[in-house]
Amino acid sequence: MKYGEDFKSKRFRTSLSIGWNPSYDCTEKTIEAFILENFDQDFYDEEISIEITHFIRAESSYSNLDYLIIAIHNDIETTKS
């Protein structure tokens, strides 16, 4: 599904990760956005703008997936508050 200008003019609260994903040994920096609102549509290949307003924590490497998931959930709760 392609979006028109209406999608591009809307603002969505997100929890955002920018970095190297050290838990997965990534060699490229990535940006991952978790949209906090009820959003079930695909926007791959769309150009979007991101406005960063707060910093939660530095990037970390986790010894197992469970710790990473806990950290992500904590980040999302921090973003919501």
Protein backbone atom coordinates (compact mmCIF):
# COMPACT_ATOMS: atom_id res chain seq x y z
CA MET A 1 0.00 0.00 0.00
CA LYS A 2 1.38 3.40 -0.92
CA TYR A 3 0.64 6.45 1.17
CA GLY A 4 -0.28 9.87 -0.05
CA GLU A 5 0.65 13.20 1.45
CA ASP A 6 -1.77 12.51 4.33
CA PHE A 7 0.56 9.83 5.73
CA LYS A 8 3.64 11.99 5.35
CA SER A 9 2.06 14.91 7.19
CA LYS A 10 1.16 12.84 10.27
CA ARG A 11 3.36 12.46 13.33
CA PHE A 12 3.69 9.16 15.18
CA ARG A 13 5.32 8.65 18.57
CA THR A 14 8.07 6.05 18.30
CA SER A 15 10.80 4.41 20.29
CA LEU A 16 13.86 4.60 18.06
CA SER A 17 17.15 2.70 17.96
CA ILE A 18 20.12 4.05 16.00
CA GLY A 19 23.28 2.00 16.04
CA TRP A 20 25.23 -1.12 15.20
CA ASN A 21 23.07 -3.72 16.99
CA PRO A 22 26.06 -5.14 18.89
CA SER A 23 24.07 -8.12 20.17
CA TYR A 24 23.91 -9.30 16.55
CA ASP A 25 27.43 -8.23 15.47
CA CYS A 26 26.05 -6.01 12.69
CA THR A 27 28.58 -4.27 10.46
CA GLU A 28 26.23 -1.51 9.28
CA LYS A 29 24.56 1.20 11.33
CA THR A 30 20.77 0.89 11.28
CA ILE A 31 17.74 2.88 12.36
CA GLU A 32 14.82 0.93 13.81
CA ALA A 33 11.57 2.64 14.76
CA PHE A 34 8.85 1.06 16.89
CA ILE A 35 5.63 3.01 16.33
CA LEU A 36 3.76 3.30 19.64
CA GLU A 37 0.36 3.94 18.11
CA ASN A 38 -2.00 1.44 16.54
CA PHE A 39 -0.28 1.16 13.15
CA ASP A 40 -0.67 -1.92 10.99
CA GLN A 41 0.31 -0.74 7.53
CA ASP A 42 3.46 -1.23 5.50
CA PHE A 43 5.59 1.80 4.61
CA TYR A 44 8.61 0.09 3.08
CA ASP A 45 10.20 2.07 0.25
CA GLU A 46 8.51 5.26 1.48
CA GLU A 47 10.52 8.34 2.35
CA ILE A 48 9.89 9.46 5.93
CA SER A 49 11.24 12.14 8.25
CA ILE A 50 12.28 11.45 11.83
CA GLU A 51 12.43 14.09 14.54
CA ILE A 52 14.47 12.99 17.55
CA THR A 53 13.36 14.75 20.74
CA HIS A 54 14.85 12.70 23.60
CA PHE A 55 17.72 10.36 24.39
CA ILE A 56 17.03 7.33 26.61
CA ARG A 57 20.28 5.37 26.80
CA ALA A 58 23.49 4.41 25.02
CA GLU A 59 23.70 1.32 22.88
CA SER A 60 24.46 -1.91 24.76
CA SER A 61 25.35 -5.49 23.96
CA TYR A 62 23.30 -8.17 25.72
CA SER A 63 24.43 -11.68 26.55
CA ASN A 64 21.13 -13.19 25.49
CA LEU A 65 17.94 -12.29 23.65
CA ASP A 66 15.82 -12.18 26.82
CA TYR A 67 17.87 -9.29 28.26
CA LEU A 68 17.63 -7.41 24.96
CA ILE A 69 13.84 -7.85 24.89
CA ILE A 70 13.56 -6.57 28.49
CA ALA A 71 15.64 -3.50 27.61
CA ILE A 72 13.50 -2.78 24.54
CA HIS A 73 10.30 -3.08 26.58
CA ASN A 74 11.76 -0.70 29.18
CA ASP A 75 12.68 1.78 26.44
CA ILE A 76 9.13 1.64 25.06
CA GLU A 77 7.63 2.26 28.51
CA THR A 78 10.01 5.19 29.03
CA THR A 79 8.97 6.64 25.68
CA LYS A 80 5.28 6.33 26.55
CA SER A 81 5.67 8.22 29.83
